[in-house]
Amino acid sequence: MTPEKLKERIASLIFEKKGADVLEINLNGITTVTDYFIICTADSDIQVKAIADHIEKTLKDEGIKIWHKEGYMALHWVLLDYVDVVVHIFQRESREYYNLEKLWGDADIVHVEDPLLKKKESKQRKSTK
């Protein structure tokens, strides 16, 4: 799977577990660490774990193995490293504290919208016409 397809797949898996504030940071040409960061926010340690487990299990079932993971002990910030795409799942306070978006401010940053919310908004607009 290409890094572009992988980042899209990961974002969709995050939304399946109600992750919020999903950002895609394109690091191509800025660092050799990875091509993309995907960052999201969860409301609790239980949700952080649910999102991380869902991504890891689903991708493993699809033949994509994780290279490294960190943060399962405290569950304030879980990192899942798929080499070309690194996923950061934060609780809100930790995300605000570490502020990766600012750290990588020279990169292209895209806010990823939940496709289900787009569908709901589109239906609501149609019903009000």
Protein backbone atom coordinates (compact mmCIF):
# COMPACT_ATOMS: atom_id res chain seq x y z
CA MET A 1 0.00 0.00 0.00
CA THR A 2 1.36 3.44 -0.86
CA PRO A 3 1.95 5.95 1.94
CA GLU A 4 -0.86 8.10 0.52
CA LYS A 5 -3.36 5.23 0.64
CA LEU A 6 -2.13 4.16 4.07
CA LYS A 7 -2.65 7.63 5.58
CA GLU A 8 -6.17 7.75 4.13
CA ARG A 9 -6.94 4.28 5.49
CA ILE A 10 -5.66 5.21 8.94
CA ALA A 11 -7.76 8.39 9.02
CA SER A 12 -10.88 6.40 8.17
CA LEU A 13 -10.11 3.92 10.97
CA ILE A 14 -9.69 6.80 13.42
CA PHE A 15 -13.13 8.14 12.49
CA GLU A 16 -14.66 4.68 12.99
CA LYS A 17 -13.71 4.99 16.68
CA LYS A 18 -14.84 8.64 16.92
CA GLY A 19 -11.39 10.22 16.97
CA ALA A 20 -11.47 13.99 16.54
CA ASP A 21 -9.35 16.86 15.16
CA VAL A 22 -7.58 14.65 12.63
CA LEU A 23 -4.60 16.26 10.92
CA GLU A 24 -2.33 14.97 8.19
CA ILE A 25 1.17 16.45 8.19
CA ASN A 26 3.15 15.91 4.99
CA LEU A 27 6.82 15.59 5.92
CA ASN A 28 8.13 14.71 2.46
CA GLY A 29 11.23 16.80 1.77
CA ILE A 30 11.40 18.05 5.37
CA THR A 31 12.67 14.97 7.18
CA THR A 32 13.68 11.40 6.41
CA VAL A 33 11.96 10.09 9.55
CA THR A 34 8.65 9.40 7.80
CA ASP A 35 6.46 10.68 4.96
CA TYR A 36 3.38 11.54 7.02
CA PHE A 37 2.19 12.12 10.55
CA ILE A 38 -1.47 11.51 11.28
CA ILE A 39 -2.55 13.20 14.51
CA CYS A 40 -5.86 12.82 16.30
CA THR A 41 -7.49 13.55 19.63
CA ALA A 42 -9.35 11.16 21.90
CA ASP A 43 -11.45 12.01 24.95
CA SER A 44 -10.11 9.38 27.36
CA ASP A 45 -7.47 6.71 27.85
CA ILE A 46 -10.08 4.11 26.91
CA GLN A 47 -10.71 5.85 23.59
CA VAL A 48 -6.97 6.27 22.91
CA LYS A 49 -6.55 2.52 23.37
CA ALA A 50 -9.64 1.72 21.29
CA ILE A 51 -8.40 3.81 18.36
CA ALA A 52 -4.87 2.39 18.55
CA ASP A 53 -6.07 -1.21 18.84
CA HIS A 54 -8.54 -0.73 15.97
CA ILE A 55 -5.87 0.66 13.65
CA GLU A 56 -3.33 -2.01 14.53
CA LYS A 57 -5.75 -4.97 14.27
CA THR A 58 -7.45 -3.83 11.08
CA LEU A 59 -4.19 -3.10 9.29
CA LYS A 60 -2.69 -6.39 10.49
CA ASP A 61 -5.74 -8.20 9.08
CA GLU A 62 -5.07 -6.36 5.80
CA GLY A 63 -1.44 -7.56 5.79
CA ILE A 64 0.16 -4.34 7.08
CA LYS A 65 2.32 -4.88 10.13
CA ILE A 66 3.31 -2.23 12.62
CA TRP A 67 7.01 -1.51 12.96
CA HIS A 68 6.93 0.07 16.43
CA LYS A 69 4.46 1.33 19.03
CA GLU A 70 4.76 3.35 22.23
CA GLY A 71 2.60 4.83 24.95
CA TYR A 72 0.34 1.93 25.91
CA MET A 73 1.26 2.20 29.60
CA ALA A 74 -0.10 5.71 30.26
CA LEU A 75 -2.41 6.12 27.23
CA HIS A 76 -2.01 9.90 27.08
CA TRP A 77 -0.16 9.68 23.76
CA VAL A 78 0.10 6.49 21.73
CA LEU A 79 2.42 6.35 18.75
CA LEU A 80 1.99 3.75 16.01
CA ASP A 81 4.87 3.63 13.52
CA TYR A 82 4.17 2.19 10.09
CA VAL A 83 7.49 3.58 8.76
CA ASP A 84 5.99 5.75 5.97
CA VAL A 85 3.13 6.91 8.21
CA VAL A 86 3.40 7.58 11.95
CA VAL A 87 0.15 7.88 13.89
CA HIS A 88 -0.12 10.01 17.04
CA ILE A 89 -3.23 9.47 19.18
CA PHE A 90 -3.44 12.06 21.94
CA GLN A 91 -5.69 12.92 24.81
CA ARG A 92 -6.55 16.61 24.45
CA GLU A 93 -4.26 17.93 27.22
CA SER A 94 -1.24 16.04 25.93
CA ARG A 95 -1.88 17.16 22.37
CA GLU A 96 -2.04 20.79 23.46
CA TYR A 97 1.13 20.40 25.54
CA TYR A 98 3.30 18.75 22.86
CA ASN A 99 1.77 20.77 19.98
CA LEU A 100 3.28 18.76 17.12
CA GLU A 101 1.41 20.91 14.63
CA LYS A 102 3.49 23.91 15.66
CA LEU A 103 6.72 21.92 15.80
CA TRP A 104 6.23 20.89 12.16
CA GLY A 105 4.70 24.23 11.14
CA ASP A 106 6.74 24.42 7.92
CA ALA A 107 5.07 21.25 6.62
CA ASP A 108 1.83 21.05 4.66
CA ILE A 109 -0.91 20.39 7.22
CA VAL A 110 -4.37 19.24 6.18
CA HIS A 111 -7.40 18.98 8.44
CA VAL A 112 -9.11 15.68 7.56
CA GLU A 113 -12.88 15.71 7.80
CA ASP A 114 -14.99 12.75 8.85
CA PRO A 115 -16.76 11.51 5.70
CA LEU A 116 -19.81 10.50 7.75
CA LEU A 117 -20.20 14.07 9.04
CA LYS A 118 -19.99 15.36 5.48
CA LYS A 119 -22.81 13.01 4.46
CA LYS A 120 -24.98 14.11 7.40
CA GLU A 121 -24.40 17.80 6.63
CA SER A 122 -25.23 17.22 2.97
CA LYS A 123 -28.47 15.42 3.88
CA GLN A 124 -29.42 18.18 6.31
CA ARG A 125 -28.88 20.86 3.66
CA LYS A 126 -31.02 18.92 1.18
CA SER A 127 -33.83 18.47 3.70
CA THR A 128 -33.96 22.19 4.49
CA LYS A 129 -34.44 23.16 0.83
